[in-house]
């Protein structure tokens, strides 16, 4: 469930970034994104270590999954509004 929610968050974010980034900067932007995401792994492991000392694994994973699903829904709503606004502006021209 966590991996599925993660995929539904990462794909729309990357698609949006790819649409908004000028072609000449595409490799730099995605290199930076890769660096930041891989660099965040040790920080995430540190945070999870502290959290799992105090809260059970099941509660932690359930909470993280809910946060990711809420984030996914927020991103989808944002992108749908943006798409609708673009369609409305194109129709008015």
PDB file of N, CA and C in Angstrom:
ATOM      1  N   UNK A   1       0.833  -1.190   0.000  1.00  0.00           N
ATOM      2  CA  UNK A   1       0.000   0.000   0.000  1.00  0.00           C
ATOM      3  C   UNK A   1       0.878   1.255   0.000  1.00  0.00           C
ATOM      4  N   UNK A   2       1.942   1.215   0.772  1.00  0.00           N
ATOM      5  CA  UNK A   2       2.843   2.361   0.845  1.00  0.00           C
ATOM      6  C   UNK A   2       3.527   2.603  -0.492  1.00  0.00           C
ATOM      7  N   UNK A   3       3.977   1.542  -1.146  1.00  0.00           N
ATOM      8  CA  UNK A   3       4.640   1.688  -2.446  1.00  0.00           C
ATOM      9  C   UNK A   3       3.680   2.195  -3.513  1.00  0.00           C
ATOM     10  N   UNK A   4       2.447   1.724  -3.476  1.00  0.00           N
ATOM     11  CA  UNK A   4       1.454   2.181  -4.439  1.00  0.00           C
ATOM     12  C   UNK A   4       1.160   3.660  -4.245  1.00  0.00           C
ATOM     13  N   UNK A   5       0.979   4.062  -2.996  1.00  0.00           N
ATOM     14  CA  UNK A   5       0.739   5.478  -2.718  1.00  0.00           C
ATOM     15  C   UNK A   5       1.936   6.318  -3.145  1.00  0.00           C
ATOM     16  N   UNK A   6       3.129   5.801  -2.919  1.00  0.00           N
ATOM     17  CA  UNK A   6       4.345   6.511  -3.310  1.00  0.00           C
ATOM     18  C   UNK A   6       4.407   6.715  -4.825  1.00  0.00           C
ATOM     19  N   UNK A   7       4.071   5.685  -5.575  1.00  0.00           N
ATOM     20  CA  UNK A   7       4.087   5.793  -7.040  1.00  0.00           C
ATOM     21  C   UNK A   7       3.070   6.824  -7.520  1.00  0.00           C
ATOM     22  N   UNK A   8       1.907   6.864  -6.882  1.00  0.00           N
ATOM     23  CA  UNK A   8       0.886   7.835  -7.285  1.00  0.00           C
ATOM     24  C   UNK A   8       1.263   9.265  -6.925  1.00  0.00           C
ATOM     25  N   UNK A   9       2.194   9.437  -6.024  1.00  0.00           N
ATOM     26  CA  UNK A   9       2.661  10.778  -5.679  1.00  0.00           C
ATOM     27  C   UNK A   9       3.830  11.186  -6.574  1.00  0.00           C
ATOM     28  N   UNK A  10       4.780  10.291  -6.756  1.00  0.00           N
ATOM     29  CA  UNK A  10       6.005  10.616  -7.492  1.00  0.00           C
ATOM     30  C   UNK A  10       5.733  10.893  -8.959  1.00  0.00           C
ATOM     31  N   UNK A  11       4.911  10.092  -9.605  1.00  0.00           N
ATOM     32  CA  UNK A  11       4.669  10.244 -11.044  1.00  0.00           C
ATOM     33  C   UNK A  11       4.041  11.593 -11.386  1.00  0.00           C
ATOM     34  N   UNK A  12       2.956  12.035 -10.714  1.00  0.00           N
ATOM     35  CA  UNK A  12       2.415  13.357 -11.048  1.00  0.00           C
ATOM     36  C   UNK A  12       3.390  14.505 -10.767  1.00  0.00           C
ATOM     37  N   UNK A  13       4.168  14.373  -9.687  1.00  0.00           N
ATOM     38  CA  UNK A  13       5.132  15.427  -9.371  1.00  0.00           C
ATOM     39  C   UNK A  13       6.192  15.520 -10.464  1.00  0.00           C
ATOM     40  N   UNK A  14       6.735  14.377 -10.880  1.00  0.00           N
ATOM     41  CA  UNK A  14       7.750  14.391 -11.929  1.00  0.00           C
ATOM     42  C   UNK A  14       7.183  14.874 -13.257  1.00  0.00           C
ATOM     43  N   UNK A  15       5.958  14.487 -13.574  1.00  0.00           N
ATOM     44  CA  UNK A  15       5.336  14.955 -14.818  1.00  0.00           C
ATOM     45  C   UNK A  15       5.153  16.465 -14.795  1.00  0.00           C
ATOM     46  N   UNK A  16       4.724  16.987 -13.661  1.00  0.00           N
ATOM     47  CA  UNK A  16       4.534  18.439 -13.542  1.00  0.00           C
ATOM     48  C   UNK A  16       5.866  19.179 -13.666  1.00  0.00           C
ATOM     49  N   UNK A  17       6.881  18.683 -12.996  1.00  0.00           N
ATOM     50  CA  UNK A  17       8.203  19.316 -13.066  1.00  0.00           C
ATOM     51  C   UNK A  17       8.740  19.264 -14.494  1.00  0.00           C
ATOM     52  N   UNK A  18       8.521  18.143 -15.159  1.00  0.00           N
ATOM     53  CA  UNK A  18       9.008  17.998 -16.532  1.00  0.00           C
ATOM     54  C   UNK A  18       8.308  18.973 -17.473  1.00  0.00           C
ATOM     55  N   UNK A  19       7.003  19.203 -17.260  1.00  0.00           N
ATOM     56  CA  UNK A  19       6.280  20.153 -18.106  1.00  0.00           C
ATOM     57  C   UNK A  19       6.714  21.592 -17.863  1.00  0.00           C
ATOM     58  N   UNK A  20       7.040  21.912 -16.617  1.00  0.00           N
ATOM     59  CA  UNK A  20       7.356  23.287 -16.249  1.00  0.00           C
ATOM     60  C   UNK A  20       8.823  23.669 -16.465  1.00  0.00           C
ATOM     61  N   UNK A  21       9.704  22.686 -16.605  1.00  0.00           N
ATOM     62  CA  UNK A  21      11.133  22.951 -16.715  1.00  0.00           C
ATOM     63  C   UNK A  21      11.525  23.179 -18.171  1.00  0.00           C
ATOM     64  N   UNK A  22      12.239  24.270 -18.465  1.00  0.00           N
ATOM     65  CA  UNK A  22      12.733  24.471 -19.826  1.00  0.00           C
ATOM     66  C   UNK A  22      13.674  23.326 -20.232  1.00  0.00           C
ATOM     67  N   UNK A  23      13.671  22.991 -21.501  1.00  0.00           N
ATOM     68  CA  UNK A  23      14.427  21.851 -22.005  1.00  0.00           C
ATOM     69  C   UNK A  23      15.903  21.938 -21.663  1.00  0.00           C
ATOM     70  N   UNK A  24      16.490  23.107 -21.765  1.00  0.00           N
ATOM     71  CA  UNK A  24      17.925  23.238 -21.526  1.00  0.00           C
ATOM     72  C   UNK A  24      18.311  22.991 -20.064  1.00  0.00           C
ATOM     73  N   UNK A  25      17.342  23.057 -19.142  1.00  0.00           N
ATOM     74  CA  UNK A  25      17.630  22.834 -17.726  1.00  0.00           C
ATOM     75  C   UNK A  25      17.141  21.484 -17.220  1.00  0.00           C
ATOM     76  N   UNK A  26      16.560  20.683 -18.091  1.00  0.00           N
ATOM     77  CA  UNK A  26      15.930  19.420 -17.683  1.00  0.00           C
ATOM     78  C   UNK A  26      16.916  18.490 -16.961  1.00  0.00           C
ATOM     79  N   UNK A  27      18.094  18.270 -17.520  1.00  0.00           N
ATOM     80  CA  UNK A  27      19.043  17.337 -16.896  1.00  0.00           C
ATOM     81  C   UNK A  27      19.523  17.864 -15.545  1.00  0.00           C
ATOM     82  N   UNK A  28      19.702  19.165 -15.433  1.00  0.00           N
ATOM     83  CA  UNK A  28      20.146  19.741 -14.154  1.00  0.00           C
ATOM     84  C   UNK A  28      19.080  19.575 -13.080  1.00  0.00           C
ATOM     85  N   UNK A  29      17.840  19.833 -13.457  1.00  0.00           N
ATOM     86  CA  UNK A  29      16.752  19.742 -12.483  1.00  0.00           C
ATOM     87  C   UNK A  29      16.581  18.307 -12.000  1.00  0.00           C
ATOM     88  N   UNK A  30      16.566  17.350 -12.940  1.00  0.00           N
ATOM     89  CA  UNK A  30      16.375  15.961 -12.524  1.00  0.00           C
ATOM     90  C   UNK A  30      17.601  15.405 -11.801  1.00  0.00           C
ATOM     91  N   UNK A  31      18.782  15.891 -12.116  1.00  0.00           N
ATOM     92  CA  UNK A  31      19.969  15.492 -11.355  1.00  0.00           C
ATOM     93  C   UNK A  31      19.864  15.982  -9.919  1.00  0.00           C
ATOM     94  N   UNK A  32      19.418  17.201  -9.759  1.00  0.00           N
ATOM     95  CA  UNK A  32      19.255  17.768  -8.420  1.00  0.00           C
ATOM     96  C   UNK A  32      18.172  17.032  -7.641  1.00  0.00           C
ATOM     97  N   UNK A  33      17.072  16.692  -8.323  1.00  0.00           N
ATOM     98  CA  UNK A  33      16.007  15.938  -7.658  1.00  0.00           C
ATOM     99  C   UNK A  33      16.519  14.576  -7.187  1.00  0.00           C
ATOM    100  N   UNK A  34      17.309  13.904  -8.033  1.00  0.00           N
ATOM    101  CA  UNK A  34      17.871  12.613  -7.649  1.00  0.00           C
ATOM    102  C   UNK A  34      18.817  12.739  -6.476  1.00  0.00           C
ATOM    103  N   UNK A  35      19.633  13.781  -6.501  1.00  0.00           N
ATOM    104  CA  UNK A  35      20.572  14.015  -5.410  1.00  0.00           C
ATOM    105  C   UNK A  35      19.834  14.263  -4.096  1.00  0.00           C
ATOM    106  N   UNK A  36      18.812  15.101  -4.140  1.00  0.00           N
ATOM    107  CA  UNK A  36      18.067  15.410  -2.919  1.00  0.00           C
ATOM    108  C   UNK A  36      17.288  14.198  -2.409  1.00  0.00           C
ATOM    109  N   UNK A  37      16.692  13.435  -3.323  1.00  0.00           N
ATOM    110  CA  UNK A  37      15.917  12.282  -2.863  1.00  0.00           C
ATOM    111  C   UNK A  37      16.822  11.191  -2.297  1.00  0.00           C
ATOM    112  N   UNK A  38      17.964  10.968  -2.918  1.00  0.00           N
ATOM    113  CA  UNK A  38      18.880   9.955  -2.381  1.00  0.00           C
ATOM    114  C   UNK A  38      19.593  10.457  -1.135  1.00  0.00           C
ATOM    115  N   UNK A  39      19.832  11.747  -1.084  1.00  0.00           N
ATOM    116  CA  UNK A  39      20.460  12.327   0.103  1.00  0.00           C
ATOM    117  C   UNK A  39      19.527  12.335   1.299  1.00  0.00           C
ATOM    118  N   UNK A  40      18.232  12.269   1.040  1.00  0.00           N
ATOM    119  CA  UNK A  40      17.257  12.253   2.121  1.00  0.00           C
ATOM    120  C   UNK A  40      17.102  10.898   2.774  1.00  0.00           C
ATOM    121  N   UNK A  41      17.632   9.862   2.155  1.00  0.00           N
ATOM    122  CA  UNK A  41      17.485   8.510   2.711  1.00  0.00           C
ATOM    123  C   UNK A  41      18.118   8.385   4.100  1.00  0.00           C
ATOM    124  N   UNK A  42      19.365   8.829   4.297  1.00  0.00           N
ATOM    125  CA  UNK A  42      19.923   8.737   5.657  1.00  0.00           C
ATOM    126  C   UNK A  42      19.151   9.570   6.679  1.00  0.00           C
ATOM    127  N   UNK A  43      18.691  10.738   6.272  1.00  0.00           N
ATOM    128  CA  UNK A  43      17.902  11.576   7.179  1.00  0.00           C
ATOM    129  C   UNK A  43      16.595  10.876   7.539  1.00  0.00           C
ATOM    130  N   UNK A  44      15.937  10.268   6.532  1.00  0.00           N
ATOM    131  CA  UNK A  44      14.709   9.525   6.798  1.00  0.00           C
ATOM    132  C   UNK A  44      14.940   8.349   7.725  1.00  0.00           C
ATOM    133  N   UNK A  45      16.062   7.649   7.536  1.00  0.00           N
ATOM    134  CA  UNK A  45      16.393   6.517   8.405  1.00  0.00           C
ATOM    135  C   UNK A  45      16.603   6.993   9.845  1.00  0.00           C
ATOM    136  N   UNK A  46      17.226   8.129  10.005  1.00  0.00           N
ATOM    137  CA  UNK A  46      17.440   8.693  11.340  1.00  0.00           C
ATOM    138  C   UNK A  46      16.103   9.038  12.001  1.00  0.00           C
ATOM    139  N   UNK A  47      15.233   9.687  11.243  1.00  0.00           N
ATOM    140  CA  UNK A  47      13.919  10.060  11.788  1.00  0.00           C
ATOM    141  C   UNK A  47      13.114   8.813  12.143  1.00  0.00           C
ATOM    142  N   UNK A  48      13.092   7.826  11.221  1.00  0.00           N
ATOM    143  CA  UNK A  48      12.370   6.590  11.510  1.00  0.00           C
ATOM    144  C   UNK A  48      12.929   5.884  12.731  1.00  0.00           C
ATOM    145  N   UNK A  49      14.236   5.937  12.920  1.00  0.00           N
ATOM    146  CA  UNK A  49      14.835   5.320  14.099  1.00  0.00           C
ATOM    147  C   UNK A  49      14.295   5.914  15.381  1.00  0.00           C
ATOM    148  N   UNK A  50      14.234   7.242  15.437  1.00  0.00           N
ATOM    149  CA  UNK A  50      13.696   7.902  16.624  1.00  0.00           C
ATOM    150  C   UNK A  50      12.209   7.615  16.804  1.00  0.00           C
ATOM    151  N   UNK A  51      11.461   7.644  15.707  1.00  0.00           N
ATOM    152  CA  UNK A  51      10.020   7.410  15.792  1.00  0.00           C
ATOM    153  C   UNK A  51       9.734   5.981  16.244  1.00  0.00           C
ATOM    154  N   UNK A  52      10.433   5.005  15.647  1.00  0.00           N
ATOM    155  CA  UNK A  52      10.155   3.602  15.969  1.00  0.00           C
ATOM    156  C   UNK A  52      10.575   3.216  17.379  1.00  0.00           C
ATOM    157  N   UNK A  53      11.416   4.010  18.013  1.00  0.00           N
ATOM    158  CA  UNK A  53      11.739   3.756  19.416  1.00  0.00           C
ATOM    159  C   UNK A  53      10.554   4.087  20.320  1.00  0.00           C
ATOM    160  N   UNK A  54       9.695   4.974  19.865  1.00  0.00           N
ATOM    161  CA  UNK A  54       8.606   5.460  20.700  1.00  0.00           C
ATOM    162  C   UNK A  54       7.223   4.954  20.277  1.00  0.00           C
ATOM    163  N   UNK A  55       7.049   4.634  18.993  1.00  0.00           N
ATOM    164  CA  UNK A  55       5.744   4.247  18.452  1.00  0.00           C
ATOM    165  C   UNK A  55       5.902   2.910  17.731  1.00  0.00           C
ATOM    166  N   UNK A  56       4.852   2.089  17.754  1.00  0.00           N
ATOM    167  CA  UNK A  56       4.928   0.773  17.114  1.00  0.00           C
ATOM    168  C   UNK A  56       5.058   0.902  15.590  1.00  0.00           C
ATOM    169  N   UNK A  57       5.623  -0.115  14.973  1.00  0.00           N
ATOM    170  CA  UNK A  57       5.828  -0.130  13.526  1.00  0.00           C
ATOM    171  C   UNK A  57       4.508  -0.019  12.783  1.00  0.00           C
ATOM    172  N   UNK A  58       3.490  -0.753  13.232  1.00  0.00           N
ATOM    173  CA  UNK A  58       2.204  -0.741  12.541  1.00  0.00           C
ATOM    174  C   UNK A  58       1.580   0.653  12.561  1.00  0.00           C
ATOM    175  N   UNK A  59       1.623   1.310  13.691  1.00  0.00           N
ATOM    176  CA  UNK A  59       1.056   2.660  13.795  1.00  0.00           C
ATOM    177  C   UNK A  59       1.826   3.647  12.933  1.00  0.00           C
ATOM    178  N   UNK A  60       3.133   3.517  12.918  1.00  0.00           N
ATOM    179  CA  UNK A  60       3.969   4.411  12.116  1.00  0.00           C
ATOM    180  C   UNK A  60       3.680   4.240  10.632  1.00  0.00           C
ATOM    181  N   UNK A  61       3.661   2.990  10.152  1.00  0.00           N
ATOM    182  CA  UNK A  61       3.418   2.747   8.735  1.00  0.00           C
ATOM    183  C   UNK A  61       2.009   3.179   8.327  1.00  0.00           C
ATOM    184  N   UNK A  62       1.034   2.938   9.191  1.00  0.00           N
ATOM    185  CA  UNK A  62      -0.333   3.358   8.905  1.00  0.00           C
ATOM    186  C   UNK A  62      -0.409   4.874   8.794  1.00  0.00           C
ATOM    187  N   UNK A  63       0.225   5.576   9.707  1.00  0.00           N
ATOM    188  CA  UNK A  63       0.217   7.044   9.688  1.00  0.00           C
ATOM    189  C   UNK A  63       0.900   7.589   8.436  1.00  0.00           C
ATOM    190  N   UNK A  64       2.052   7.036   8.099  1.00  0.00           N
ATOM    191  CA  UNK A  64       2.781   7.478   6.903  1.00  0.00           C
ATOM    192  C   UNK A  64       1.960   7.216   5.648  1.00  0.00           C
ATOM    193  N   UNK A  65       1.298   6.062   5.587  1.00  0.00           N
ATOM    194  CA  UNK A  65       0.467   5.742   4.430  1.00  0.00           C
ATOM    195  C   UNK A  65      -0.679   6.730   4.306  1.00  0.00           C
ATOM    196  N   UNK A  66      -1.319   7.074   5.403  1.00  0.00           N
ATOM    197  CA  UNK A  66      -2.402   8.061   5.365  1.00  0.00           C
ATOM    198  C   UNK A  66      -1.901   9.425   4.905  1.00  0.00           C
ATOM    199  N   UNK A  67      -0.730   9.817   5.376  1.00  0.00           N
ATOM    200  CA  UNK A  67      -0.148  11.094   4.947  1.00  0.00           C
ATOM    201  C   UNK A  67       0.131  11.080   3.455  1.00  0.00           C
ATOM    202  N   UNK A  68       0.667   9.978   2.950  1.00  0.00           N
ATOM    203  CA  UNK A  68       0.968   9.887   1.519  1.00  0.00           C
ATOM    204  C   UNK A  68      -0.308   9.899   0.675  1.00  0.00           C
ATOM    205  N   UNK A  69      -1.349   9.226   1.138  1.00  0.00           N
ATOM    206  CA  UNK A  69      -2.617   9.229   0.404  1.00  0.00           C
ATOM    207  C   UNK A  69      -3.211  10.636   0.402  1.00  0.00           C
ATOM    208  N   UNK A  70      -3.170  11.324   1.525  1.00  0.00           N
ATOM    209  CA  UNK A  70      -3.670  12.697   1.597  1.00  0.00           C
ATOM    210  C   UNK A  70      -2.867  13.610   0.668  1.00  0.00           C
ATOM    211  N   UNK A  71      -1.561  13.412   0.619  1.00  0.00           N
ATOM    212  CA  UNK A  71      -0.715  14.195  -0.287  1.00  0.00           C
ATOM    213  C   UNK A  71      -1.085  13.921  -1.728  1.00  0.00           C
ATOM    214  N   UNK A  72      -1.289  12.655  -2.070  1.00  0.00           N
ATOM    215  CA  UNK A  72      -1.687  12.274  -3.424  1.00  0.00           C
ATOM    216  C   UNK A  72      -3.001  12.944  -3.811  1.00  0.00           C
ATOM    217  N   UNK A  73      -3.978  12.899  -2.930  1.00  0.00           N
ATOM    218  CA  UNK A  73      -5.269  13.520  -3.221  1.00  0.00           C
ATOM    219  C   UNK A  73      -5.098  15.022  -3.416  1.00  0.00           C
ATOM    220  N   UNK A  74      -4.292  15.645  -2.586  1.00  0.00           N
ATOM    221  CA  UNK A  74      -4.032  17.083  -2.740  1.00  0.00           C
ATOM    222  C   UNK A  74      -3.378  17.410  -4.066  1.00  0.00           C
ATOM    223  N   UNK A  75      -2.416  16.612  -4.484  1.00  0.00           N
ATOM    224  CA  UNK A  75      -1.733  16.843  -5.761  1.00  0.00           C
ATOM    225  C   UNK A  75      -2.699  16.657  -6.918  1.00  0.00           C
ATOM    226  N   UNK A  76      -3.515  15.609  -6.868  1.00  0.00           N
ATOM    227  CA  UNK A  76      -4.477  15.353  -7.936  1.00  0.00           C
ATOM    228  C   UNK A  76      -5.472  16.511  -8.041  1.00  0.00           C
ATOM    229  N   UNK A  77      -5.982  16.975  -6.913  1.00  0.00           N
ATOM    230  CA  UNK A  77      -6.920  18.101  -6.927  1.00  0.00           C
ATOM    231  C   UNK A  77      -6.245  19.339  -7.509  1.00  0.00           C
ATOM    232  N   UNK A  78      -5.018  19.614  -7.113  1.00  0.00           N
ATOM    233  CA  UNK A  78      -4.286  20.766  -7.638  1.00  0.00           C
ATOM    234  C   UNK A  78      -4.100  20.661  -9.147  1.00  0.00           C
ATOM    235  N   UNK A  79      -3.671  19.487  -9.625  1.00  0.00           N
ATOM    236  CA  UNK A  79      -3.434  19.318 -11.056  1.00  0.00           C
ATOM    237  C   UNK A  79      -4.731  19.365 -11.855  1.00  0.00           C
ATOM    238  N   UNK A  80      -5.817  18.835 -11.297  1.00  0.00           N
ATOM    239  CA  UNK A  80      -7.106  18.909 -11.993  1.00  0.00           C
ATOM    240  C   UNK A  80      -7.587  20.344 -12.103  1.00  0.00           C
ATOM    241  N   UNK A  81      -7.414  21.119 -11.042  1.00  0.00           N
ATOM    242  CA  UNK A  81      -7.788  22.544 -11.102  1.00  0.00           C
ATOM    243  C   UNK A  81      -6.948  23.288 -12.133  1.00  0.00           C
ATOM    244  N   UNK A  82      -5.655  22.988 -12.146  1.00  0.00           N
ATOM    245  CA  UNK A  82      -4.760  23.644 -13.102  1.00  0.00           C
ATOM    246  C   UNK A  82      -5.144  23.282 -14.532  1.00  0.00           C
ATOM    247  N   UNK A  83      -5.453  22.008 -14.761  1.00  0.00           N
ATOM    248  CA  UNK A  83      -5.864  21.562 -16.087  1.00  0.00           C
ATOM    249  C   UNK A  83      -7.170  22.226 -16.491  1.00  0.00           C
ATOM    250  N   UNK A  84      -8.120  22.304 -15.571  1.00  0.00           N
ATOM    251  CA  UNK A  84      -9.401  22.951 -15.855  1.00  0.00           C
ATOM    252  C   UNK A  84      -9.199  24.430 -16.171  1.00  0.00           C
ATOM    253  N   UNK A  85      -8.340  25.104 -15.411  1.00  0.00           N
ATOM    254  CA  UNK A  85      -8.067  26.514 -15.671  1.00  0.00           C
ATOM    255  C   UNK A  85      -7.433  26.717 -17.040  1.00  0.00           C
ATOM    256  N   UNK A  86      -6.528  25.818 -17.428  1.00  0.00           N
ATOM    257  CA  UNK A  86      -5.901  25.917 -18.752  1.00  0.00           C
ATOM    258  C   UNK A  86      -6.926  25.718 -19.858  1.00  0.00           C
ATOM    259  N   UNK A  87      -7.825  24.765 -19.688  1.00  0.00           N
ATOM    260  CA  UNK A  87      -8.864  24.518 -20.690  1.00  0.00           C
ATOM    261  C   UNK A  87      -9.776  25.720 -20.819  1.00  0.00           C
ATOM    262  N   UNK A  88     -10.148  26.301 -19.675  1.00  0.00           N
ATOM    263  CA  UNK A  88     -11.025  27.469 -19.709  1.00  0.00           C
ATOM    264  C   UNK A  88     -10.343  28.671 -20.371  1.00  0.00           C
ATOM    265  N   UNK A  89      -9.068  28.860 -20.121  1.00  0.00           N
ATOM    266  CA  UNK A  89      -8.358  29.986 -20.746  1.00  0.00           C
ATOM    267  C   UNK A  89      -8.177  29.751 -22.234  1.00  0.00           C
ATOM    268  N   UNK A  90      -7.978  28.497 -22.665  1.00  0.00           N
ATOM    269  CA  UNK A  90      -7.850  28.192 -24.092  1.00  0.00           C
ATOM    270  C   UNK A  90      -9.187  28.332 -24.814  1.00  0.00           C
ATOM    271  N   UNK A  91     -10.284  28.003 -24.139  1.00  0.00           N
ATOM    272  CA  UNK A  91     -11.602  28.123 -24.754  1.00  0.00           C
ATOM    273  C   UNK A  91     -12.031  29.570 -24.904  1.00  0.00           C
ATOM    274  N   UNK A  92     -11.555  30.437 -24.012  1.00  0.00           N
ATOM    275  CA  UNK A  92     -11.942  31.846 -24.079  1.00  0.00           C
ATOM    276  C   UNK A  92     -11.181  32.607 -25.159  1.00  0.00           C
ATOM    277  N   UNK A  93     -10.129  31.997 -25.701  1.00  0.00           N
ATOM    278  CA  UNK A  93      -9.343  32.666 -26.739  1.00  0.00           C
ATOM    279  C   UNK A  93      -9.960  32.501 -28.062  1.00  0.00           C
TER     280      UNK A  93
END
